[in-house]
Amino acid sequence: MKEKYNTCKHSTGNVGELVVYVKPSCPNYTKIRGSLVSSKIRCKKCKGWEGGQVNG
């Protein structure tokens, strides 16, 4: 089973070691150095998570 942050509608598909790069529609985003990110921990606990389509 893939993690929420890999399949979330808000994710851009880029995942780092500690953060997930997200779209502005994400309810938990933070702006760091001009990039919108959310921590993996926030993604796992997100109640506003919307399941996306798994690519591949």
N, C-alpha and C. Protein backbone atom coordinates (compact mmCIF):
# COMPACT_ATOMS: atom_id res chain seq x y z
N MET A 1 0.84 -1.18 0.00
CA MET A 1 0.00 0.00 0.00
C MET A 1 0.89 1.25 0.00
N LYS A 2 0.58 2.18 -0.86
CA LYS A 2 1.36 3.41 -0.92
C LYS A 2 0.95 4.35 0.20
N GLU A 3 1.89 5.18 0.62
CA GLU A 3 1.61 6.17 1.66
C GLU A 3 0.66 7.23 1.12
N LYS A 4 -0.04 7.91 2.01
CA LYS A 4 -0.98 8.96 1.63
C LYS A 4 -0.31 10.02 0.76
N TYR A 5 0.88 10.42 1.13
CA TYR A 5 1.52 11.52 0.41
C TYR A 5 1.93 11.14 -1.00
N ASN A 6 2.00 9.88 -1.33
CA ASN A 6 2.31 9.45 -2.70
C ASN A 6 1.08 9.44 -3.59
N THR A 7 -0.10 9.32 -3.00
CA THR A 7 -1.33 9.22 -3.77
C THR A 7 -2.27 10.40 -3.58
N CYS A 8 -1.91 11.34 -2.75
CA CYS A 8 -2.78 12.46 -2.43
C CYS A 8 -2.98 13.38 -3.63
N LYS A 9 -4.18 13.89 -3.76
CA LYS A 9 -4.54 14.82 -4.83
C LYS A 9 -3.72 16.11 -4.72
N HIS A 10 -3.31 16.48 -3.53
CA HIS A 10 -2.58 17.73 -3.30
C HIS A 10 -1.09 17.62 -3.59
N SER A 11 -0.56 16.42 -3.67
CA SER A 11 0.86 16.22 -3.90
C SER A 11 1.24 16.48 -5.35
N THR A 12 2.44 17.04 -5.57
CA THR A 12 2.93 17.25 -6.92
C THR A 12 3.64 16.00 -7.44
N GLY A 13 3.86 15.05 -6.56
CA GLY A 13 4.55 13.82 -6.94
C GLY A 13 6.02 13.82 -6.53
N ASN A 14 6.52 14.96 -6.10
CA ASN A 14 7.90 15.05 -5.64
C ASN A 14 7.92 14.89 -4.13
N VAL A 15 8.68 13.91 -3.66
CA VAL A 15 8.76 13.62 -2.23
C VAL A 15 10.22 13.63 -1.82
N GLY A 16 10.53 14.39 -0.77
CA GLY A 16 11.89 14.42 -0.24
C GLY A 16 12.00 13.50 0.96
N GLU A 17 13.09 13.63 1.69
CA GLU A 17 13.30 12.79 2.86
C GLU A 17 12.31 13.10 3.97
N LEU A 18 12.03 14.39 4.18
CA LEU A 18 11.14 14.79 5.26
C LEU A 18 9.89 15.52 4.78
N VAL A 19 9.89 16.00 3.56
CA VAL A 19 8.78 16.82 3.08
C VAL A 19 8.18 16.28 1.79
N VAL A 20 6.96 16.73 1.54
CA VAL A 20 6.24 16.43 0.32
C VAL A 20 5.95 17.76 -0.36
N TYR A 21 6.27 17.88 -1.62
CA TYR A 21 5.97 19.10 -2.36
C TYR A 21 4.51 19.06 -2.78
N VAL A 22 3.78 20.12 -2.44
CA VAL A 22 2.33 20.11 -2.62
C VAL A 22 1.86 21.30 -3.45
N LYS A 23 0.59 21.23 -3.85
CA LYS A 23 -0.07 22.30 -4.60
C LYS A 23 -0.71 23.27 -3.60
N PRO A 24 -1.06 24.47 -4.04
CA PRO A 24 -1.67 25.45 -3.14
C PRO A 24 -3.00 25.00 -2.53
N SER A 25 -3.63 23.98 -3.06
CA SER A 25 -4.90 23.50 -2.52
C SER A 25 -4.73 22.68 -1.23
N CYS A 26 -3.49 22.34 -0.89
CA CYS A 26 -3.22 21.55 0.31
C CYS A 26 -3.55 22.37 1.56
N PRO A 27 -4.33 21.80 2.48
CA PRO A 27 -4.68 22.53 3.70
C PRO A 27 -3.53 22.67 4.70
N ASN A 28 -2.45 21.91 4.52
CA ASN A 28 -1.35 21.90 5.49
C ASN A 28 -0.03 22.43 4.93
N TYR A 29 -0.07 23.17 3.84
CA TYR A 29 1.19 23.56 3.23
C TYR A 29 1.92 24.65 4.01
N THR A 30 3.21 24.68 3.84
CA THR A 30 4.10 25.71 4.38
C THR A 30 5.00 26.13 3.24
N LYS A 31 5.34 27.41 3.20
CA LYS A 31 6.21 27.89 2.14
C LYS A 31 7.64 27.97 2.67
N ILE A 32 8.54 27.22 2.04
CA ILE A 32 9.95 27.22 2.42
C ILE A 32 10.77 27.51 1.18
N ARG A 33 11.53 28.58 1.23
CA ARG A 33 12.38 28.99 0.11
C ARG A 33 11.63 29.02 -1.22
N GLY A 34 10.40 29.52 -1.18
CA GLY A 34 9.61 29.67 -2.40
C GLY A 34 8.89 28.42 -2.87
N SER A 35 9.02 27.32 -2.14
CA SER A 35 8.35 26.07 -2.50
C SER A 35 7.26 25.75 -1.49
N LEU A 36 6.15 25.24 -1.96
CA LEU A 36 5.07 24.82 -1.08
C LEU A 36 5.33 23.38 -0.67
N VAL A 37 5.44 23.15 0.62
CA VAL A 37 5.73 21.82 1.13
C VAL A 37 4.84 21.49 2.33
N SER A 38 4.76 20.23 2.63
CA SER A 38 4.10 19.74 3.83
C SER A 38 4.97 18.60 4.35
N SER A 39 5.04 18.46 5.66
CA SER A 39 5.84 17.37 6.20
C SER A 39 5.12 16.04 6.01
N LYS A 40 5.87 14.97 5.95
CA LYS A 40 5.28 13.65 5.79
C LYS A 40 4.37 13.33 6.98
N ILE A 41 4.75 13.79 8.16
CA ILE A 41 3.95 13.54 9.37
C ILE A 41 2.60 14.23 9.25
N ARG A 42 2.58 15.47 8.78
CA ARG A 42 1.32 16.18 8.58
C ARG A 42 0.45 15.45 7.57
N CYS A 43 1.04 14.95 6.51
CA CYS A 43 0.28 14.23 5.48
C CYS A 43 -0.35 12.96 6.04
N LYS A 44 0.39 12.25 6.89
CA LYS A 44 -0.14 11.02 7.47
C LYS A 44 -1.32 11.30 8.40
N LYS A 45 -1.30 12.47 9.08
CA LYS A 45 -2.34 12.81 10.04
C LYS A 45 -3.47 13.64 9.42
N CYS A 46 -3.36 13.99 8.15
CA CYS A 46 -4.30 14.89 7.50
C CYS A 46 -5.70 14.29 7.43
N LYS A 47 -6.68 15.03 7.95
CA LYS A 47 -8.07 14.58 7.88
C LYS A 47 -8.73 15.07 6.59
N GLY A 48 -8.10 16.05 5.94
CA GLY A 48 -8.63 16.58 4.69
C GLY A 48 -8.07 15.90 3.47
N TRP A 49 -7.42 14.75 3.67
CA TRP A 49 -6.80 14.02 2.59
C TRP A 49 -7.83 13.57 1.57
N GLU A 50 -7.50 13.78 0.31
CA GLU A 50 -8.36 13.34 -0.78
C GLU A 50 -7.56 12.34 -1.60
N GLY A 51 -8.03 11.14 -1.69
CA GLY A 51 -7.32 10.11 -2.42
C GLY A 51 -7.19 10.45 -3.88
N GLY A 52 -6.00 10.28 -4.40
CA GLY A 52 -5.76 10.54 -5.81
C GLY A 52 -5.59 9.23 -6.55
N GLN A 53 -5.31 9.32 -7.81
CA GLN A 53 -5.10 8.12 -8.60
C GLN A 53 -3.64 7.72 -8.52
N VAL A 54 -3.41 6.45 -8.37
CA VAL A 54 -2.05 5.93 -8.32
C VAL A 54 -1.56 5.78 -9.74
N ASN A 55 -0.44 6.41 -10.05
CA ASN A 55 0.12 6.31 -11.39
C ASN A 55 0.93 5.03 -11.53
N GLY A 56 0.72 4.32 -12.64
CA GLY A 56 1.50 3.14 -12.91
C GLY A 56 0.83 1.95 -12.41
